[in-house]
C-alpha atoms as a PDB file:
ATOM      1  CA  MET A   1      76.837  61.055 122.893  1.00  0.00           C
ATOM      2  CA  THR A   2      73.655  61.897 121.024  1.00  0.00           C
ATOM      3  CA  PHE A   3      72.393  65.364 120.339  1.00  0.00           C
ATOM      4  CA  THR A   4      68.800  66.359 120.865  1.00  0.00           C
ATOM      5  CA  LYS A   5      66.938  68.399 118.309  1.00  0.00           C
ATOM      6  CA  GLY A   6      67.382  72.066 119.104  1.00  0.00           C
ATOM      7  CA  THR A   7      70.869  71.796 120.597  1.00  0.00           C
ATOM      8  CA  LEU A   8      72.799  74.904 119.675  1.00  0.00           C
ATOM      9  CA  PRO A   9      74.945  74.487 116.550  1.00  0.00           C
ATOM     10  CA  CYS A  10      77.941  76.096 118.285  1.00  0.00           C
ATOM     11  CA  ILE A  11      77.882  73.415 120.990  1.00  0.00           C
ATOM     12  CA  GLU A  12      77.283  70.614 118.497  1.00  0.00           C
ATOM     13  CA  SER A  13      80.139  71.675 116.227  1.00  0.00           C
ATOM     14  CA  ALA A  14      82.574  72.146 119.126  1.00  0.00           C
ATOM     15  CA  TRP A  15      81.566  68.802 120.607  1.00  0.00           C
ATOM     16  CA  GLU A  16      81.940  66.988 117.285  1.00  0.00           C
ATOM     17  CA  ALA A  17      85.344  68.601 116.732  1.00  0.00           C
ATOM     18  CA  HIS A  18      86.779  67.842 120.183  1.00  0.00           C
ATOM     19  CA  HIS A  19      84.840  64.912 121.675  1.00  0.00           C
ATOM     20  CA  ASP A  20      87.337  62.205 120.681  1.00  0.00           C
ATOM     21  CA  GLU A  21      90.317  64.271 121.819  1.00  0.00           C
ATOM     22  CA  LEU A  22      88.629  64.985 125.169  1.00  0.00           C
ATOM     23  CA  ARG A  23      87.892  61.297 125.644  1.00  0.00           C
ATOM     24  CA  ARG A  24      91.517  60.326 124.930  1.00  0.00           C
ATOM     25  CA  PHE A  25      92.664  63.002 127.404  1.00  0.00           C
ATOM     26  CA  LEU A  26      90.373  61.626 130.110  1.00  0.00           C
ATOM     27  CA  LEU A  27      91.271  57.997 129.398  1.00  0.00           C
ATOM     28  CA  LYS A  28      94.939  58.896 129.730  1.00  0.00           C
ATOM     29  CA  HIS A  29      94.296  60.357 133.180  1.00  0.00           C
ATOM     30  CA  CYS A  30      91.778  57.927 134.651  1.00  0.00           C
ATOM     31  CA  ASP A  31      92.361  54.755 132.567  1.00  0.00           C
ATOM     32  CA  ASP A  32      88.690  53.804 133.028  1.00  0.00           C
ATOM     33  CA  ARG A  33      86.244  54.059 130.118  1.00  0.00           C
ATOM     34  CA  ASP A  34      83.159  54.343 132.329  1.00  0.00           C
ATOM     35  CA  ILE A  35      84.625  57.182 134.384  1.00  0.00           C
ATOM     36  CA  ALA A  36      85.868  58.942 131.243  1.00  0.00           C
ATOM     37  CA  ASP A  37      82.404  58.690 129.695  1.00  0.00           C
ATOM     38  CA  ASP A  38      80.744  59.951 132.891  1.00  0.00           C
ATOM     39  CA  VAL A  39      83.084  62.934 132.987  1.00  0.00           C
ATOM     40  CA  LEU A  40      82.450  63.590 129.294  1.00  0.00           C
ATOM     41  CA  GLN A  41      78.724  63.579 129.970  1.00  0.00           C
ATOM     42  CA  ASN A  42      79.263  66.175 132.703  1.00  0.00           C
ATOM     43  CA  VAL A  43      81.350  68.348 130.371  1.00  0.00           C
ATOM     44  CA  TYR A  44      78.630  68.275 127.726  1.00  0.00           C
ATOM     45  CA  SER A  45      76.024  69.139 130.354  1.00  0.00           C
ATOM     46  CA  LYS A  46      78.153  72.090 131.490  1.00  0.00           C
ATOM     47  CA  ALA A  47      78.379  73.337 127.901  1.00  0.00           C
ATOM     48  CA  LEU A  48      74.594  73.175 127.620  1.00  0.00           C
ATOM     49  CA  THR A  49      74.135  74.855 130.989  1.00  0.00           C
ATOM     50  CA  HIS A  50      76.469  77.684 129.989  1.00  0.00           C
ATOM     51  CA  ARG A  51      75.253  77.818 126.376  1.00  0.00           C
ATOM     52  CA  GLN A  52      74.915  81.603 126.263  1.00  0.00           C
ATOM     53  CA  THR A  53      78.524  82.205 127.219  1.00  0.00           C
ATOM     54  CA  PHE A  54      79.833  79.050 125.498  1.00  0.00           C
ATOM     55  CA  CYS A  55      78.655  80.230 122.090  1.00  0.00           C
ATOM     56  CA  LYS A  56      80.553  83.499 122.532  1.00  0.00           C
ATOM     57  CA  LEU A  57      83.888  81.826 123.343  1.00  0.00           C
ATOM     58  CA  ASP A  58      86.884  82.460 121.124  1.00  0.00           C
ATOM     59  CA  THR A  59      88.369  79.065 122.021  1.00  0.00           C
ATOM     60  CA  PRO A  60      85.685  76.504 122.891  1.00  0.00           C
ATOM     61  CA  ARG A  61      88.328  73.730 122.816  1.00  0.00           C
ATOM     62  CA  ALA A  62      90.245  75.342 125.690  1.00  0.00           C
ATOM     63  CA  TRP A  63      87.022  75.768 127.666  1.00  0.00           C
ATOM     64  CA  LEU A  64      86.049  72.117 127.113  1.00  0.00           C
ATOM     65  CA  PHE A  65      89.457  70.871 128.250  1.00  0.00           C
ATOM     66  CA  LYS A  66      89.438  73.137 131.296  1.00  0.00           C
ATOM     67  CA  VAL A  67      85.996  71.887 132.312  1.00  0.00           C
ATOM     68  CA  ALA A  68      87.019  68.275 131.628  1.00  0.00           C
ATOM     69  CA  ARG A  69      90.054  68.647 133.860  1.00  0.00           C
ATOM     70  CA  HIS A  70      88.014  70.245 136.656  1.00  0.00           C
ATOM     71  CA  GLN A  71      85.287  67.589 136.372  1.00  0.00           C
ATOM     72  CA  TRP A  72      87.935  64.858 136.576  1.00  0.00           C
ATOM     73  CA  ILE A  73      89.485  66.502 139.660  1.00  0.00           C
ATOM     74  CA  ASP A  74      86.040  66.793 141.272  1.00  0.00           C
ATOM     75  CA  ARG A  75      85.450  63.117 140.525  1.00  0.00           C
ATOM     76  CA  GLN A  76      88.788  62.234 142.152  1.00  0.00           C
ATOM     77  CA  ARG A  77      87.842  64.216 145.259  1.00  0.00           C
ATOM     78  CA  ARG A  78      84.431  62.552 145.506  1.00  0.00           C
ATOM     79  CA  ASP A  79      86.033  59.130 145.154  1.00  0.00           C
ATOM     80  CA  GLY A  80      88.577  59.969 147.882  1.00  0.00           C
ATOM     81  CA  ARG A  81      91.554  59.715 145.523  1.00  0.00           C
ATOM     82  CA  LEU A  82      92.426  63.396 145.798  1.00  0.00           C
ATOM     83  CA  VAL A  83      93.015  65.193 149.087  1.00  0.00           C
ATOM     84  CA  MET A  84      93.746  68.801 150.024  1.00  0.00           C
ATOM     85  CA  ASP A  85      97.018  69.821 151.662  1.00  0.00           C
ATOM     86  CA  GLU A  86      97.560  72.758 154.034  1.00  0.00           C
ATOM     87  CA  SER A  87      97.737  75.265 151.175  1.00  0.00           C
ATOM     88  CA  HIS A  88      94.339  74.030 149.905  1.00  0.00           C
ATOM     89  CA  GLU A  89      95.949  72.890 146.659  1.00  0.00           C
ATOM     90  CA  PRO A  90      94.685  69.530 145.409  1.00  0.00           C
ATOM     91  CA  THR A  91      97.268  66.798 145.768  1.00  0.00           C
ATOM     92  CA  ALA A  92      97.229  63.093 145.163  1.00  0.00           C
ATOM     93  CA  PRO A  93      97.495  60.746 148.133  1.00  0.00           C
ATOM     94  CA  ASP A  94     100.979  59.455 148.911  1.00  0.00           C
ATOM     95  CA  ASP A  95     100.365  56.125 147.255  1.00  0.00           C
ATOM     96  CA  ALA A  96      99.323  57.650 143.924  1.00  0.00           C
ATOM     97  CA  GLU A  97     101.754  58.708 141.242  1.00  0.00           C
ATOM     98  CA  THR A  98     101.195  62.325 140.188  1.00  0.00           C
ATOM     99  CA  ALA A  99     102.004  63.550 136.706  1.00  0.00           C
ATOM    100  CA  PRO A 100     104.717  66.254 136.824  1.00  0.00           C
ATOM    101  CA  LEU A 101     102.543  68.821 135.074  1.00  0.00           C
ATOM    102  CA  ASP A 102      99.660  68.294 137.518  1.00  0.00           C
ATOM    103  CA  SER A 103     101.901  68.745 140.548  1.00  0.00           C
ATOM    104  CA  LEU A 104     103.311  71.943 139.046  1.00  0.00           C
ATOM    105  CA  ALA A 105     100.103  73.819 139.982  1.00  0.00           C
ATOM    106  CA  GLY A 106     101.342  74.425 143.544  1.00  0.00           C
ATOM    107  CA  CYS A 107     104.623  75.790 142.223  1.00  0.00           C
ATOM    108  CA  ILE A 108     102.752  78.190 139.945  1.00  0.00           C
ATOM    109  CA  ALA A 109     100.552  79.390 142.803  1.00  0.00           C
ATOM    110  CA  ARG A 110     103.601  80.164 144.914  1.00  0.00           C
ATOM    111  CA  ALA A 111     105.546  81.762 142.037  1.00  0.00           C
ATOM    112  CA  LEU A 112     102.786  84.151 140.923  1.00  0.00           C
ATOM    113  CA  PRO A 113     103.150  86.495 143.924  1.00  0.00           C
ATOM    114  CA  HIS A 114     106.769  87.056 142.881  1.00  0.00           C
ATOM    115  CA  CYS A 115     105.736  88.287 139.414  1.00  0.00           C
ATOM    116  CA  VAL A 116     105.344  91.985 138.685  1.00  0.00           C
ATOM    117  CA  ALA A 117     101.794  93.238 139.248  1.00  0.00           C
ATOM    118  CA  VAL A 118     100.828  93.613 135.568  1.00  0.00           C
ATOM    119  CA  ASP A 119     102.034  90.076 134.765  1.00  0.00           C
ATOM    120  CA  ARG A 120     100.299  88.637 137.818  1.00  0.00           C
ATOM    121  CA  ASP A 121      97.041  90.418 136.905  1.00  0.00           C
ATOM    122  CA  ILE A 122      96.846  89.271 133.278  1.00  0.00           C
ATOM    123  CA  LEU A 123      97.947  85.708 134.116  1.00  0.00           C
ATOM    124  CA  THR A 124      95.430  85.443 136.938  1.00  0.00           C
ATOM    125  CA  ARG A 125      92.539  86.952 134.988  1.00  0.00           C
ATOM    126  CA  CYS A 126      93.086  85.256 131.622  1.00  0.00           C
ATOM    127  CA  ASP A 127      94.816  81.956 132.410  1.00  0.00           C
ATOM    128  CA  LEU A 128      93.544  81.059 135.867  1.00  0.00           C
ATOM    129  CA  GLU A 129      90.101  82.682 135.959  1.00  0.00           C
ATOM    130  CA  GLY A 130      89.348  82.137 132.273  1.00  0.00           C
ATOM    131  CA  LEU A 131      88.568  85.741 131.340  1.00  0.00           C
ATOM    132  CA  ARG A 132      88.524  86.153 127.565  1.00  0.00           C
ATOM    133  CA  GLN A 133      91.429  88.204 126.248  1.00  0.00           C
ATOM    134  CA  ALA A 134      88.990  90.515 124.423  1.00  0.00           C
ATOM    135  CA  ASP A 135      87.218  91.220 127.729  1.00  0.00           C
ATOM    136  CA  TYR A 136      90.520  91.840 129.487  1.00  0.00           C
ATOM    137  CA  ALA A 137      91.520  94.262 126.720  1.00  0.00           C
ATOM    138  CA  ARG A 138      88.235  96.152 126.987  1.00  0.00           C
ATOM    139  CA  ARG A 139      88.364  96.368 130.795  1.00  0.00           C
ATOM    140  CA  ASN A 140      91.942  97.640 130.747  1.00  0.00           C
ATOM    141  CA  GLY A 141      91.711 100.018 127.801  1.00  0.00           C
ATOM    142  CA  LEU A 142      94.006  97.904 125.610  1.00  0.00           C
ATOM    143  CA  SER A 143      93.742  96.672 122.064  1.00  0.00           C
ATOM    144  CA  LEU A 144      93.344  92.923 121.598  1.00  0.00           C
ATOM    145  CA  PRO A 145      96.781  92.585 119.917  1.00  0.00           C
ATOM    146  CA  ALA A 146      98.383  94.485 122.805  1.00  0.00           C
ATOM    147  CA  THR A 147      96.642  92.192 125.299  1.00  0.00           C
ATOM    148  CA  LYS A 148      97.783  89.058 123.448  1.00  0.00           C
ATOM    149  CA  ALA A 149     101.379  90.347 123.365  1.00  0.00           C
ATOM    150  CA  ARG A 150     101.267  91.293 127.049  1.00  0.00           C
ATOM    151  CA  LEU A 151      99.926  87.860 127.983  1.00  0.00           C
ATOM    152  CA  ARG A 152     102.551  86.084 125.853  1.00  0.00           C
ATOM    153  CA  ARG A 153     105.374  88.061 127.511  1.00  0.00           C
ATOM    154  CA  ALA A 154     103.906  87.446 130.989  1.00  0.00           C
ATOM    155  CA  ARG A 155     103.764  83.716 130.275  1.00  0.00           C
ATOM    156  CA  GLN A 156     107.363  83.743 129.088  1.00  0.00           C
ATOM    157  CA  ARG A 157     108.538  85.528 132.245  1.00  0.00           C
ATOM    158  CA  LEU A 158     106.525  83.152 134.459  1.00  0.00           C
ATOM    159  CA  ARG A 159     107.982  80.175 132.596  1.00  0.00           C
ATOM    160  CA  ALA A 160     111.520  81.483 133.136  1.00  0.00           C
ATOM    161  CA  ARG A 161     110.784  82.000 136.830  1.00  0.00           C
ATOM    162  CA  LEU A 162     109.389  78.469 137.160  1.00  0.00           C
ATOM    163  CA  VAL A 163     112.371  76.955 135.348  1.00  0.00           C
ATOM    164  CA  GLU A 164     114.695  78.762 137.740  1.00  0.00           C
ATOM    165  CA  GLN A 165     112.814  78.270 140.992  1.00  0.00           C
ATOM    166  CA  CYS A 166     111.352  74.819 140.441  1.00  0.00           C
ATOM    167  CA  ASP A 167     114.207  73.240 138.490  1.00  0.00           C
ATOM    168  CA  ILE A 168     111.874  72.189 135.710  1.00  0.00           C
ATOM    169  CA  VAL A 169     113.292  69.616 133.318  1.00  0.00           C
ATOM    170  CA  PHE A 170     111.781  69.130 129.871  1.00  0.00           C
ATOM    171  CA  ASP A 171     111.704  65.903 127.884  1.00  0.00           C
ATOM    172  CA  ASP A 172     112.661  65.541 124.203  1.00  0.00           C
ATOM    173  CA  GLN A 173     109.258  66.820 123.081  1.00  0.00           C
ATOM    174  CA  GLY A 174     109.480  69.966 125.258  1.00  0.00           C
ATOM    175  CA  ARG A 175     106.966  68.732 127.841  1.00  0.00           C
ATOM    176  CA  VAL A 176     107.506  69.069 131.589  1.00  0.00           C
ATOM    177  CA  CYS A 177     109.304  65.956 132.747  1.00  0.00           C
ATOM    178  CA  CYS A 178     109.957  66.711 136.367  1.00  0.00           C
ATOM    179  CA  HIS A 179     110.593  69.508 138.858  1.00  0.00           C
ATOM    180  CA  ARG A 180     111.095  70.184 142.517  1.00  0.00           C
ATOM    181  CA  ALA A 181     108.490  72.005 144.591  1.00  0.00           C
ATOM    182  CA  LEU A 182     109.023  75.701 145.193  1.00  0.00           C
ATOM    183  CA  GLU A 183     109.569  76.474 148.845  1.00  0.00           C
ATOM    184  CA  ALA A 184     107.287  79.202 150.198  1.00  0.00           C
END
């Protein structure tokens, strides 16, 4: 990836810092260098398109990975390798093997309504919609440390709920190994 003169330094520095890691992430998921490079190109274009908000991000790495994941999913849909089920959650066709963490998204979507309202709100706004924690704090009259603590506790309670309801099993490194789907 080459940078053109005038590219914003915040985008250049974030891209230099995370480009290789993003590429490894995409190669792990699609196992095709050309597709990984195409998706990377789209991620970089998105960063340029959203340059005003990108340069204000607290965690550009998280934003880049989120966009990379969404671009990869969109690519899968376009190529017909990803279909939608009745709940409108993306799922892999029957003949494809789905990573346990990817298939956990449906379980999370069905578990969130069972969370208390304040947990559901902060998890939805910050983790699912991508609202910056500082913006959430300002909108809700909270300090940033209070918001971070509230989000951490909400994540812990959601994790406990998912472990219980979805029978999540972790591997030796603490990563999700497998789980069963949460019934509605």
